[in-house]
Amino acid sequence: MAERGLRTCEFAEAALKHPVGPAPAPLGPPLNAFKFQYFPTLTADSRFLLFTGRPMLSSGEDLFVSRRAADGTFSAPAGIAPTINSSYNEGAGTISGDGKTLVFASCDRPKSVGNCDLYISRRTGNTWSPPQNLGVAVNSPEWDSQPSLSADGRTLYFTSTRRGGQGQEDLYVTTLQPDGAWAPAKNLGTPVNTPGKDMAPFIHASGTTLYYVTDGLVGMGGLDVFRSEAAAGGAWGPPANLGYPLNTFEDEASLFVSSDNQRGFYSRTQMGDEKPAAPGGLPPERGVQLFGFDVPAEVKARETSTYAQGRVFDATTKKPMRADVKIYDVDTDALTQFVTSDPETGEYTAVLNEGHRYAMYAAADKYLLKSLSFDYAGKQQFDPFTLDIYLDPVRAGRSVVLNNLFFDTNQYELEPRSRTELNRLIEFMRQYQDVQIEVSGHTDNVGTDAANLQLSERRAQAVVAYLTAHGVQAARLRAKGYGAARALGPNDTDASRRLNRRIELRIL
């Protein structure tokens, strides 16, 4: 114990001499209107702030939301919804990047698993569903709280005092399975969890940086904020203290870093301003405030994120629709995001990380999948963008451009990163067993007509060959080359020629 105290003093002395960035400041009015407010979290577009608050005359906690304006100011907080806030205690909450999935802690509810459990609610349009207990796969007979959702709402980190952990409070993780059930929660293990208190996890929108607080590692004293980076095989690397002035001699908790790595928010325990009523009286009551700060380089998540946002429509009726939007890293064929558009509004939000090349797919039952491509490998411009998507029904004559099939110049061998698109095509053909398709190749007008026709034919054949090699019946497939005969537009710029060089799928 004495050695730990000495190390803490040495760390604090060094940290004070070498501050990391400017000091965080309390958020101004109309926020911090309560005695206690904590666990701030924002949607991926930073338009909505969710936090837990306890009004002055209330003994219970509720969830509040505040809208963020373009100039960075926040509106007066309001209760999230009457279906969520109740006579029970609604504690720490977290929201998915698209603002449509909410998980929060609530205590002493009827039919709960433990004294404090985690509950989930989903938003359709402007309506939040009645909260549902996440069940025994996630909750324990002990205390489960302080949740943090991944950007797509399919991975959940939280704090628990259940038996079998490393210390008093440990961090756990669970994932949403294809059947809609949550997998049994797993302890994050060492080096993240310690023999002390490990609490308040926050998974950055990128999914590669985990922030949390602990008193089990050397710091400024009390609960300090640490950061751990994702390692190979799903493990987490050694935690690093985020230094002073983010950490102080007070208790820090519930850090949130925006998807673009620009702004951070967290809560800090503060002493009240009032003096004791009389000599020897009680010290002032401690309150908890929300703080904000510009994120210094030493605190930023390893990967910066941006987002695609828009609406999904039926291409025929132009009505908004529900669709699955999936994003894959084409260099690894790993699914990195899986969100669903709102069935009432068609709205979706999906997060993309810098340094990666992505394939994005929108699909719905009895509709052609839409294939989109984004290259952020070494890209300097990384701004959010709006993209509306129109889906065509699976019907004879309907076609779609396959934007994630790649060939070297004047070559017809498929590049390895094409396998993401090819594997999605295989899934499509397995889902619609009675569908027959034409795979057509198209070129720009550079070169002779004969050479372009031959190249387009061979590229289409390469796609068909891959599909048949992976179990799709040859009788359901037709390869056809059109050369430059069916251009989508003029061949007068590099960009337009790039659009004309393509592979299409057409329903026969």
Protein backbone atom coordinates (compact mmCIF):
# COMPACT_ATOMS: atom_id res chain seq x y z
CA MET A 1 0.00 0.00 0.00
CA ALA A 2 2.82 2.40 0.89
CA GLU A 3 4.58 1.60 -2.39
CA ARG A 4 1.35 2.25 -4.33
CA GLY A 5 0.95 5.60 -2.58
CA LEU A 6 4.50 6.58 -3.46
CA ARG A 7 3.99 5.66 -7.11
CA THR A 8 0.76 7.68 -7.18
CA CYS A 9 2.55 10.74 -5.78
CA GLU A 10 5.36 10.37 -8.30
CA PHE A 11 2.92 10.01 -11.19
CA ALA A 12 0.85 13.01 -10.07
CA GLU A 13 3.94 15.19 -9.67
CA ALA A 14 5.14 14.32 -13.18
CA ALA A 15 1.65 14.75 -14.68
CA LEU A 16 1.24 18.21 -13.17
CA LYS A 17 4.55 19.28 -14.70
CA HIS A 18 3.53 18.01 -18.15
CA PRO A 19 -0.17 18.76 -18.71
CA VAL A 20 -1.89 17.18 -21.71
CA GLY A 21 -3.96 19.84 -23.45
CA PRO A 22 -6.05 22.62 -21.91
CA ALA A 23 -8.13 22.06 -18.79
CA PRO A 24 -11.69 20.81 -19.40
CA ALA A 25 -14.39 23.33 -18.51
CA PRO A 26 -17.91 22.82 -17.16
CA LEU A 27 -20.57 22.97 -19.85
CA GLY A 28 -22.45 26.25 -19.64
CA PRO A 29 -26.17 26.92 -19.34
CA PRO A 30 -28.64 25.49 -20.05
CA LEU A 31 -26.68 22.31 -19.20
CA ASN A 32 -25.46 21.47 -15.69
CA ALA A 33 -28.83 22.61 -14.38
CA PHE A 34 -29.02 19.74 -11.87
CA LYS A 35 -27.00 18.88 -8.80
CA PHE A 36 -25.95 15.64 -10.46
CA GLN A 37 -25.51 14.89 -14.18
CA TYR A 38 -23.24 12.30 -15.70
CA PHE A 39 -22.69 9.74 -18.47
CA PRO A 40 -22.83 12.05 -21.51
CA THR A 41 -23.07 10.38 -24.91
CA LEU A 42 -23.70 11.81 -28.38
CA THR A 43 -25.00 10.39 -31.62
CA ALA A 44 -22.46 9.95 -34.43
CA ASP A 45 -23.46 13.27 -35.99
CA SER A 46 -23.14 15.01 -32.57
CA ARG A 47 -26.64 16.45 -32.94
CA PHE A 48 -28.10 14.89 -29.79
CA LEU A 49 -26.61 14.68 -26.30
CA LEU A 50 -27.95 12.04 -23.91
CA PHE A 51 -27.07 12.11 -20.22
CA THR A 52 -28.29 10.99 -16.81
CA GLY A 53 -29.56 13.67 -14.45
CA ARG A 54 -30.93 13.90 -10.96
CA PRO A 55 -33.00 17.05 -10.34
CA MET A 56 -32.43 18.85 -7.04
CA LEU A 57 -35.57 17.66 -5.26
CA SER A 58 -35.56 14.16 -6.72
CA SER A 59 -34.01 11.05 -5.24
CA GLY A 60 -34.16 9.21 -8.56
CA GLU A 61 -32.36 9.56 -11.87
CA ASP A 62 -33.84 10.13 -15.33
CA LEU A 63 -32.46 10.28 -18.85
CA PHE A 64 -32.33 13.65 -20.59
CA VAL A 65 -31.58 14.77 -24.14
CA SER A 66 -30.34 18.08 -25.50
CA ARG A 67 -30.11 19.13 -29.13
CA ARG A 68 -26.78 20.51 -30.32
CA ALA A 69 -26.88 23.44 -32.76
CA ALA A 70 -24.45 24.06 -35.61
CA ASP A 71 -22.54 26.57 -33.46
CA GLY A 72 -21.96 23.95 -30.76
CA THR A 73 -24.49 25.28 -28.24
CA PHE A 74 -27.00 22.97 -26.59
CA SER A 75 -30.73 23.36 -26.04
CA ALA A 76 -32.35 23.07 -22.62
CA PRO A 77 -32.44 19.39 -21.61
CA ALA A 78 -35.74 17.53 -21.69
CA GLY A 79 -36.74 14.07 -20.54
CA ILE A 80 -36.06 11.53 -23.28
CA ALA A 81 -39.56 10.00 -23.40
CA PRO A 82 -42.43 9.04 -21.08
CA THR A 83 -41.98 5.41 -22.14
CA ILE A 84 -38.42 5.52 -20.71
CA ASN A 85 -38.44 7.80 -17.66
CA SER A 86 -40.61 6.40 -14.89
CA SER A 87 -41.03 6.26 -11.13
CA TYR A 88 -38.11 3.83 -11.12
CA ASN A 89 -34.49 4.89 -11.28
CA GLU A 90 -33.18 5.30 -14.86
CA GLY A 91 -29.42 5.46 -14.46
CA ALA A 92 -26.50 5.46 -16.86
CA GLY A 93 -27.54 5.36 -20.52
CA THR A 94 -25.92 4.90 -23.91
CA ILE A 95 -27.19 5.44 -27.43
CA SER A 96 -26.16 4.00 -30.80
CA GLY A 97 -24.57 6.18 -33.46
CA ASP A 98 -27.85 6.54 -35.36
CA GLY A 99 -29.75 7.47 -32.20
CA LYS A 100 -32.19 4.58 -32.57
CA THR A 101 -31.03 2.09 -29.91
CA LEU A 102 -30.91 2.98 -26.22
CA VAL A 103 -29.53 0.87 -23.38
CA PHE A 104 -29.75 2.09 -19.80
CA ALA A 105 -29.48 0.85 -16.23
CA SER A 106 -32.49 0.72 -13.93
CA CYS A 107 -32.75 -0.54 -10.38
CA ASP A 108 -35.34 -2.39 -8.32
CA ARG A 109 -37.82 -2.93 -11.13
CA PRO A 110 -40.28 -5.84 -10.94
CA LYS A 111 -39.02 -9.14 -12.37
CA SER A 112 -35.44 -7.88 -12.55
CA VAL A 113 -32.51 -10.29 -12.58
CA GLY A 114 -30.45 -8.35 -10.02
CA ASN A 115 -30.81 -5.17 -8.02
CA CYS A 116 -29.72 -3.10 -11.05
CA ASP A 117 -30.20 -4.41 -14.60
CA LEU A 118 -29.64 -3.23 -18.15
CA TYR A 119 -32.66 -2.48 -20.35
CA ILE A 120 -33.02 -1.79 -24.08
CA SER A 121 -35.40 0.38 -26.10
CA ARG A 122 -35.56 1.09 -29.83
CA ARG A 123 -36.84 4.17 -31.60
CA THR A 124 -39.09 4.10 -34.66
CA GLY A 125 -39.84 7.55 -36.02
CA ASN A 126 -40.08 9.65 -32.86
CA THR A 127 -41.40 6.89 -30.60
CA TRP A 128 -39.33 4.88 -28.13
CA SER A 129 -40.51 1.34 -27.44
CA PRO A 130 -41.21 0.20 -23.86
CA PRO A 131 -37.87 -0.91 -22.36
CA GLN A 132 -37.09 -4.62 -22.23
CA ASN A 133 -34.77 -6.31 -19.76
CA LEU A 134 -31.70 -7.69 -21.56
CA GLY A 135 -32.14 -10.95 -19.67
CA VAL A 136 -29.89 -13.41 -17.91
CA ALA A 137 -27.36 -13.65 -20.76
CA VAL A 138 -26.35 -10.07 -19.94
CA ASN A 139 -27.67 -9.26 -16.46
CA SER A 140 -26.60 -11.03 -13.28
CA PRO A 141 -28.00 -11.36 -9.73
CA GLU A 142 -25.55 -8.60 -8.78
CA TRP A 143 -25.20 -4.99 -10.03
CA ASP A 144 -25.01 -4.32 -13.80
CA SER A 145 -24.78 -0.75 -15.06
CA GLN A 146 -22.81 1.91 -17.01
CA PRO A 147 -23.42 0.57 -20.55
CA SER A 148 -21.67 1.73 -23.73
CA LEU A 149 -22.95 0.73 -27.18
CA SER A 150 -20.84 0.44 -30.30
CA ALA A 151 -21.77 2.82 -33.11
CA ASP A 152 -23.99 0.24 -34.82
CA GLY A 153 -25.64 -0.80 -31.55
CA ARG A 154 -24.54 -4.43 -31.84
CA THR A 155 -21.77 -4.62 -29.25
CA LEU A 156 -22.36 -3.61 -25.64
CA TYR A 157 -19.77 -2.93 -22.94
CA PHE A 158 -20.81 -2.45 -19.32
CA THR A 159 -19.77 -2.60 -15.66
CA SER A 160 -20.73 -5.43 -13.32
CA THR A 161 -20.02 -6.60 -9.77
CA ARG A 162 -20.86 -10.22 -10.60
CA ARG A 163 -18.77 -13.03 -9.20
CA GLY A 164 -15.80 -14.40 -11.08
CA GLY A 165 -14.26 -11.06 -12.02
CA GLN A 166 -10.80 -9.63 -11.50
CA GLY A 167 -11.82 -7.18 -8.76
CA GLN A 168 -14.66 -5.23 -7.19
CA GLU A 169 -16.14 -3.94 -10.46
CA ASP A 170 -15.14 -5.28 -13.86
CA LEU A 171 -15.87 -4.51 -17.50
CA TYR A 172 -17.85 -6.98 -19.61
CA VAL A 173 -18.90 -7.23 -23.26
CA THR A 174 -21.75 -8.87 -25.16
CA THR A 175 -22.72 -8.91 -28.85
CA LEU A 176 -26.04 -9.06 -30.65
CA GLN A 177 -26.43 -12.40 -32.45
CA PRO A 178 -28.05 -12.96 -35.89
CA ASP A 179 -31.18 -14.33 -34.19
CA GLY A 180 -31.63 -11.08 -32.24
CA ALA A 181 -30.49 -12.48 -28.89
CA TRP A 182 -27.55 -11.13 -26.91
CA ALA A 183 -24.62 -13.48 -26.37
CA PRO A 184 -23.59 -14.40 -22.81
CA ALA A 185 -21.51 -11.54 -21.41
CA LYS A 186 -17.75 -12.06 -21.21
CA ASN A 187 -15.25 -10.49 -18.83
CA LEU A 188 -12.73 -8.31 -20.72
CA GLY A 189 -9.96 -9.82 -18.60
CA THR A 190 -6.52 -8.39 -18.06
CA PRO A 191 -4.90 -5.98 -18.69
CA VAL A 192 -8.10 -3.89 -18.76
CA ASN A 193 -9.65 -5.28 -15.60
CA THR A 194 -7.67 -4.99 -12.36
CA PRO A 195 -8.10 -6.04 -8.71
CA GLY A 196 -9.63 -2.59 -8.10
CA LYS A 197 -12.65 -0.78 -9.49
CA ASP A 198 -12.88 -0.81 -13.31
CA MET A 199 -15.90 1.17 -14.43
CA ALA A 200 -17.67 3.44 -16.93
CA PRO A 201 -16.50 1.98 -20.26
CA PHE A 202 -16.85 4.00 -23.45
CA ILE A 203 -16.20 2.42 -26.84
CA HIS A 204 -15.34 5.05 -29.45
CA ALA A 205 -17.36 5.16 -32.68
CA SER A 206 -14.35 3.66 -34.48
CA GLY A 207 -14.65 0.53 -32.35
CA THR A 208 -10.87 0.39 -31.88
CA THR A 209 -10.38 2.51 -28.74
CA LEU A 210 -11.87 1.77 -25.32
CA TYR A 211 -11.89 4.40 -22.57
CA TYR A 212 -12.77 3.64 -18.94
CA VAL A 213 -12.02 4.67 -15.36
CA THR A 214 -10.17 2.67 -12.74
CA ASP A 215 -8.51 3.01 -9.37
CA GLY A 216 -6.62 -0.22 -9.92
CA LEU A 217 -3.77 1.40 -11.86
CA VAL A 218 -1.38 4.17 -10.91
CA GLY A 219 -2.86 7.60 -11.54
CA MET A 220 -3.64 10.96 -9.99
CA GLY A 221 -5.63 9.34 -7.21
CA GLY A 222 -9.17 8.02 -7.01
CA LEU A 223 -10.77 7.11 -10.33
CA ASP A 224 -8.72 8.13 -13.38
CA VAL A 225 -9.58 7.83 -17.07
CA PHE A 226 -7.52 5.35 -19.10
CA ARG A 227 -7.44 4.28 -22.74
CA SER A 228 -6.86 0.86 -24.29
CA GLU A 229 -6.44 0.03 -27.98
CA ALA A 230 -7.86 -3.00 -29.75
CA ALA A 231 -5.29 -5.70 -30.36
CA ALA A 232 -5.26 -8.86 -32.46
CA GLY A 233 -7.79 -11.58 -31.78
CA GLY A 234 -10.28 -9.36 -29.99
CA ALA A 235 -7.93 -8.59 -27.09
CA TRP A 236 -7.21 -5.15 -25.64
CA GLY A 237 -3.79 -3.60 -25.17
CA PRO A 238 -2.19 -2.18 -22.01
CA PRO A 239 -4.21 0.76 -20.60
CA ALA A 240 -2.63 4.23 -20.67
CA ASN A 241 -3.47 7.02 -18.22
CA LEU A 242 -4.77 10.10 -20.06
CA GLY A 243 -2.85 12.44 -17.78
CA TYR A 244 -3.54 15.84 -16.26
CA PRO A 245 -5.71 17.98 -16.50
CA LEU A 246 -8.24 15.45 -17.81
CA ASN A 247 -7.48 13.47 -14.66
CA THR A 248 -7.30 15.31 -11.33
CA PHE A 249 -7.35 14.46 -7.63
CA GLU A 250 -11.14 14.23 -7.88
CA ASP A 251 -13.03 11.27 -9.36
CA GLU A 252 -13.47 11.39 -13.15
CA ALA A 253 -15.96 9.21 -14.96
CA SER A 254 -17.96 8.53 -18.11
CA LEU A 255 -15.69 9.96 -20.80
CA PHE A 256 -17.11 10.42 -24.30
CA VAL A 257 -15.06 11.37 -27.39
CA SER A 258 -16.90 12.46 -30.53
CA SER A 259 -16.64 10.31 -33.64
CA ASP A 260 -14.45 12.91 -35.37
CA ASN A 261 -12.03 13.03 -32.39
CA GLN A 262 -12.59 16.77 -31.94
CA ARG A 263 -14.63 17.15 -28.74
CA GLY A 264 -14.68 15.26 -25.47
CA PHE A 265 -17.17 15.22 -22.61
CA TYR A 266 -17.12 13.63 -19.19
CA SER A 267 -18.37 14.08 -15.63
CA ARG A 268 -16.33 15.17 -12.65
CA THR A 269 -17.20 15.19 -8.96
CA GLN A 270 -17.18 18.75 -7.61
CA MET A 271 -17.36 20.17 -4.09
CA GLY A 272 -20.24 22.55 -3.49
CA ASP A 273 -19.61 26.29 -3.26
CA GLU A 274 -21.47 26.79 0.00
CA LYS A 275 -19.56 26.85 3.29
CA PRO A 276 -20.42 24.71 6.35
CA ALA A 277 -23.29 26.20 8.33
CA ALA A 278 -21.18 26.41 11.51
CA PRO A 279 -17.67 25.60 12.68
CA GLY A 280 -17.34 21.85 12.79
CA GLY A 281 -20.36 21.44 10.52
CA LEU A 282 -20.62 19.01 7.59
CA PRO A 283 -18.54 19.76 4.47
CA PRO A 284 -20.43 21.03 1.42
CA GLU A 285 -22.33 18.39 -0.55
CA ARG A 286 -20.51 17.05 -3.55
CA GLY A 287 -22.15 17.45 -6.93
CA VAL A 288 -21.34 16.07 -10.38
CA GLN A 289 -21.06 18.26 -13.47
CA LEU A 290 -20.57 17.69 -17.18
CA PHE A 291 -17.29 19.00 -18.60
CA GLY A 292 -16.24 19.54 -22.20
CA PHE A 293 -12.86 19.96 -23.89
CA ASP A 294 -11.07 20.00 -27.21
CA VAL A 295 -9.44 16.58 -27.52
CA PRO A 296 -5.61 16.76 -27.51
CA ALA A 297 -3.65 14.36 -29.70
CA GLU A 298 -2.64 12.26 -26.69
CA VAL A 299 -6.29 11.55 -25.88
CA LYS A 300 -7.71 11.00 -29.38
CA ALA A 301 -8.94 7.58 -30.40
CA ARG A 302 -6.56 5.67 -32.65
CA GLU A 303 -8.88 5.99 -35.64
CA THR A 304 -11.04 8.98 -36.54
CA SER A 305 -14.54 8.27 -37.78
CA THR A 306 -16.98 9.96 -40.09
CA TYR A 307 -20.47 8.92 -41.07
CA ALA A 308 -22.78 8.39 -44.00
CA GLN A 309 -26.32 9.57 -43.41
CA GLY A 310 -29.41 9.51 -45.56
CA ARG A 311 -32.66 7.74 -46.33
CA VAL A 312 -33.59 4.50 -48.08
CA PHE A 313 -36.47 4.52 -50.57
CA ASP A 314 -38.35 2.08 -52.77
CA ALA A 315 -37.14 3.06 -56.26
CA THR A 316 -40.61 2.51 -57.74
CA THR A 317 -42.94 4.07 -55.17
CA LYS A 318 -40.39 6.55 -53.75
CA LYS A 319 -41.66 5.68 -50.27
CA PRO A 320 -39.19 5.38 -47.36
CA MET A 321 -38.50 1.82 -46.32
CA ARG A 322 -36.70 -0.42 -43.87
CA ALA A 323 -33.44 -1.90 -45.16
CA ASP A 324 -30.30 -3.46 -43.76
CA VAL A 325 -27.21 -1.32 -44.35
CA LYS A 326 -23.95 -3.24 -43.97
CA ILE A 327 -20.40 -1.96 -44.32
CA TYR A 328 -17.43 -4.25 -45.01
CA ASP A 329 -13.70 -3.59 -45.04
CA VAL A 330 -12.85 -4.84 -48.54
CA ASP A 331 -9.25 -5.62 -47.62
CA THR A 332 -10.33 -8.09 -44.92
CA ASP A 333 -13.96 -8.85 -45.89
CA ALA A 334 -14.82 -8.03 -42.26
CA LEU A 335 -18.27 -6.70 -41.43
CA THR A 336 -17.61 -3.42 -39.59
CA GLN A 337 -21.09 -1.87 -39.38
CA PHE A 338 -24.62 -3.21 -39.54
CA VAL A 339 -27.47 -0.74 -39.13
CA THR A 340 -31.12 -0.70 -40.16
CA SER A 341 -32.98 2.21 -41.71
CA ASP A 342 -36.06 3.51 -39.93
CA PRO A 343 -39.18 1.85 -41.42
CA GLU A 344 -41.17 5.10 -41.09
CA THR A 345 -38.64 7.65 -42.32
CA GLY A 346 -36.05 5.52 -44.13
CA GLU A 347 -33.29 7.30 -42.18
CA TYR A 348 -29.97 5.59 -41.50
CA THR A 349 -26.57 6.57 -40.11
CA ALA A 350 -23.46 4.43 -40.62
CA VAL A 351 -19.93 5.06 -39.32
CA LEU A 352 -16.75 4.72 -41.42
CA ASN A 353 -13.16 4.92 -40.15
CA GLU A 354 -10.19 6.64 -41.75
CA GLY A 355 -7.52 4.49 -43.36
CA HIS A 356 -9.86 1.85 -44.77
CA ARG A 357 -11.55 0.92 -48.04
CA TYR A 358 -15.21 0.07 -47.67
CA ALA A 359 -18.03 -1.67 -49.49
CA MET A 360 -21.48 -0.58 -48.38
CA TYR A 361 -24.61 -2.60 -49.11
CA ALA A 362 -28.27 -1.74 -48.68
CA ALA A 363 -30.65 -4.66 -48.97
CA ALA A 364 -34.19 -5.69 -48.11
CA ASP A 365 -36.31 -8.76 -48.69
CA LYS A 366 -37.35 -9.06 -52.37
CA TYR A 367 -35.12 -6.12 -53.39
CA LEU A 368 -31.84 -5.99 -55.30
CA LEU A 369 -28.87 -5.19 -53.12
CA LYS A 370 -27.33 -1.77 -53.72
CA SER A 371 -23.53 -1.77 -53.92
CA LEU A 372 -21.54 1.36 -52.98
CA SER A 373 -17.81 1.95 -52.60
CA PHE A 374 -15.80 4.31 -50.35
CA ASP A 375 -12.02 4.61 -50.24
CA TYR A 376 -10.61 6.29 -47.11
CA ALA A 377 -7.15 4.73 -47.33
CA GLY A 378 -4.83 7.73 -47.07
CA LYS A 379 -7.64 10.12 -47.94
CA GLN A 380 -7.20 13.69 -46.71
CA GLN A 381 -10.85 14.73 -46.94
CA PHE A 382 -12.88 12.89 -44.34
CA ASP A 383 -16.11 14.85 -43.99
CA PRO A 384 -19.53 13.34 -43.28
CA PHE A 385 -21.78 12.98 -46.31
CA THR A 386 -25.43 12.51 -47.15
CA LEU A 387 -26.44 9.64 -49.42
CA ASP A 388 -30.01 8.63 -50.24
CA ILE A 389 -30.42 5.07 -51.52
CA TYR A 390 -33.10 3.74 -53.88
CA LEU A 391 -33.72 -0.01 -53.98
CA ASP A 392 -35.17 -1.83 -56.99
CA PRO A 393 -37.36 -4.92 -56.60
CA VAL A 394 -36.07 -8.31 -57.68
CA ARG A 395 -37.87 -8.28 -61.00
CA ALA A 396 -36.98 -9.21 -64.58
CA GLY A 397 -35.15 -6.41 -66.35
CA ARG A 398 -33.98 -4.63 -63.19
CA SER A 399 -30.24 -4.10 -62.88
CA VAL A 400 -27.64 -2.78 -60.45
CA VAL A 401 -24.02 -1.68 -60.83
CA LEU A 402 -21.55 -3.75 -58.80
CA ASN A 403 -19.21 -1.05 -57.52
CA ASN A 404 -16.86 -3.26 -55.53
CA LEU A 405 -15.39 -5.45 -58.28
CA PHE A 406 -11.83 -4.40 -59.06
CA PHE A 407 -9.48 -5.12 -61.97
CA ASP A 408 -6.06 -3.81 -62.93
CA THR A 409 -5.97 -1.65 -66.06
CA ASN A 410 -6.63 -3.73 -69.19
CA GLN A 411 -6.74 -6.92 -67.10
CA TYR A 412 -9.58 -9.30 -66.38
CA GLU A 413 -8.28 -11.07 -63.25
CA LEU A 414 -10.30 -10.04 -60.22
CA GLU A 415 -8.32 -8.27 -57.49
CA PRO A 416 -8.41 -9.97 -54.04
CA ARG A 417 -10.49 -7.16 -52.54
CA SER A 418 -13.30 -8.07 -54.96
CA ARG A 419 -14.16 -11.07 -52.78
CA THR A 420 -16.39 -8.93 -50.54
CA GLU A 421 -18.68 -8.17 -53.48
CA LEU A 422 -18.45 -11.69 -54.84
CA ASN A 423 -19.42 -13.19 -51.49
CA ARG A 424 -22.44 -10.87 -51.26
CA LEU A 425 -23.47 -12.03 -54.76
CA ILE A 426 -23.25 -15.64 -53.66
CA GLU A 427 -25.49 -14.85 -50.67
CA PHE A 428 -27.96 -13.13 -52.99
CA MET A 429 -28.10 -16.10 -55.36
CA ARG A 430 -28.61 -18.50 -52.45
CA GLN A 431 -31.44 -16.36 -51.08
CA TYR A 432 -33.26 -16.21 -54.44
CA GLN A 433 -32.95 -19.75 -55.79
CA ASP A 434 -35.25 -19.17 -58.78
CA VAL A 435 -33.45 -16.04 -60.02
CA GLN A 436 -31.29 -16.07 -63.15
CA ILE A 437 -28.93 -13.19 -63.86
CA GLU A 438 -26.79 -11.66 -66.55
CA VAL A 439 -23.38 -10.40 -65.48
CA SER A 440 -22.36 -7.76 -68.00
CA GLY A 441 -19.00 -6.09 -68.52
CA HIS A 442 -18.63 -2.50 -69.76
CA THR A 443 -15.64 -0.31 -70.64
CA ASP A 444 -14.88 3.29 -71.53
CA ASN A 445 -13.96 4.28 -75.11
CA VAL A 446 -10.18 4.17 -74.67
CA GLY A 447 -8.78 1.56 -77.07
CA THR A 448 -10.30 -0.25 -80.02
CA ASP A 449 -13.86 -1.52 -80.07
CA ALA A 450 -12.64 -5.09 -80.52
CA ALA A 451 -10.25 -4.90 -77.56
CA ASN A 452 -12.88 -3.31 -75.32
CA LEU A 453 -15.48 -5.91 -76.27
CA GLN A 454 -13.07 -8.75 -75.50
CA LEU A 455 -11.99 -7.19 -72.18
CA SER A 456 -15.56 -6.62 -71.03
CA GLU A 457 -16.51 -10.19 -71.96
CA ARG A 458 -13.58 -11.68 -70.05
CA ARG A 459 -14.28 -9.59 -66.97
CA ALA A 460 -17.90 -10.75 -66.92
CA GLN A 461 -16.73 -14.33 -67.37
CA ALA A 462 -14.33 -13.96 -64.43
CA VAL A 463 -17.23 -13.03 -62.16
CA VAL A 464 -19.37 -15.92 -63.40
CA ALA A 465 -16.45 -18.33 -62.95
CA TYR A 466 -16.10 -17.29 -59.30
CA LEU A 467 -19.80 -17.78 -58.66
CA THR A 468 -19.91 -21.23 -60.24
CA ALA A 469 -16.75 -22.26 -58.37
CA HIS A 470 -18.61 -21.44 -55.15
CA GLY A 471 -21.75 -23.43 -55.81
CA VAL A 472 -23.97 -21.23 -57.98
CA GLN A 473 -25.43 -23.28 -60.84
CA ALA A 474 -24.02 -22.28 -64.23
CA ALA A 475 -27.50 -22.52 -65.77
CA ARG A 476 -28.57 -19.51 -63.67
CA LEU A 477 -25.73 -17.31 -64.94
CA ARG A 478 -24.92 -15.57 -68.19
CA ALA A 479 -21.78 -13.55 -68.95
CA LYS A 480 -21.98 -10.82 -71.57
CA GLY A 481 -19.55 -8.15 -72.72
CA TYR A 482 -20.76 -4.88 -74.24
CA GLY A 483 -17.50 -2.99 -74.57
CA ALA A 484 -18.16 0.77 -74.68
CA ALA A 485 -21.56 0.42 -76.38
CA ARG A 486 -23.67 1.07 -73.26
CA ALA A 487 -21.93 3.99 -71.61
CA LEU A 488 -23.69 5.63 -68.66
CA GLY A 489 -22.46 9.04 -69.80
CA PRO A 490 -19.85 10.84 -71.92
CA ASN A 491 -16.24 9.65 -71.85
CA ASP A 492 -14.85 13.18 -71.59
CA THR A 493 -13.31 13.11 -68.08
CA ASP A 494 -11.45 10.61 -65.91
CA ALA A 495 -14.42 10.54 -63.53
CA SER A 496 -16.97 9.81 -66.26
CA ARG A 497 -14.76 7.14 -67.83
CA ARG A 498 -14.45 5.53 -64.40
CA LEU A 499 -18.24 5.32 -64.16
CA ASN A 500 -18.46 3.70 -67.57
CA ARG A 501 -15.95 0.99 -66.60
CA ARG A 502 -18.22 -1.29 -64.63
CA ILE A 503 -19.81 -4.68 -64.05
CA GLU A 504 -23.60 -4.87 -63.86
CA LEU A 505 -26.04 -7.49 -62.62
CA ARG A 506 -29.38 -7.78 -64.43
CA ILE A 507 -32.31 -10.01 -63.53
CA LEU A 508 -33.35 -12.20 -66.48
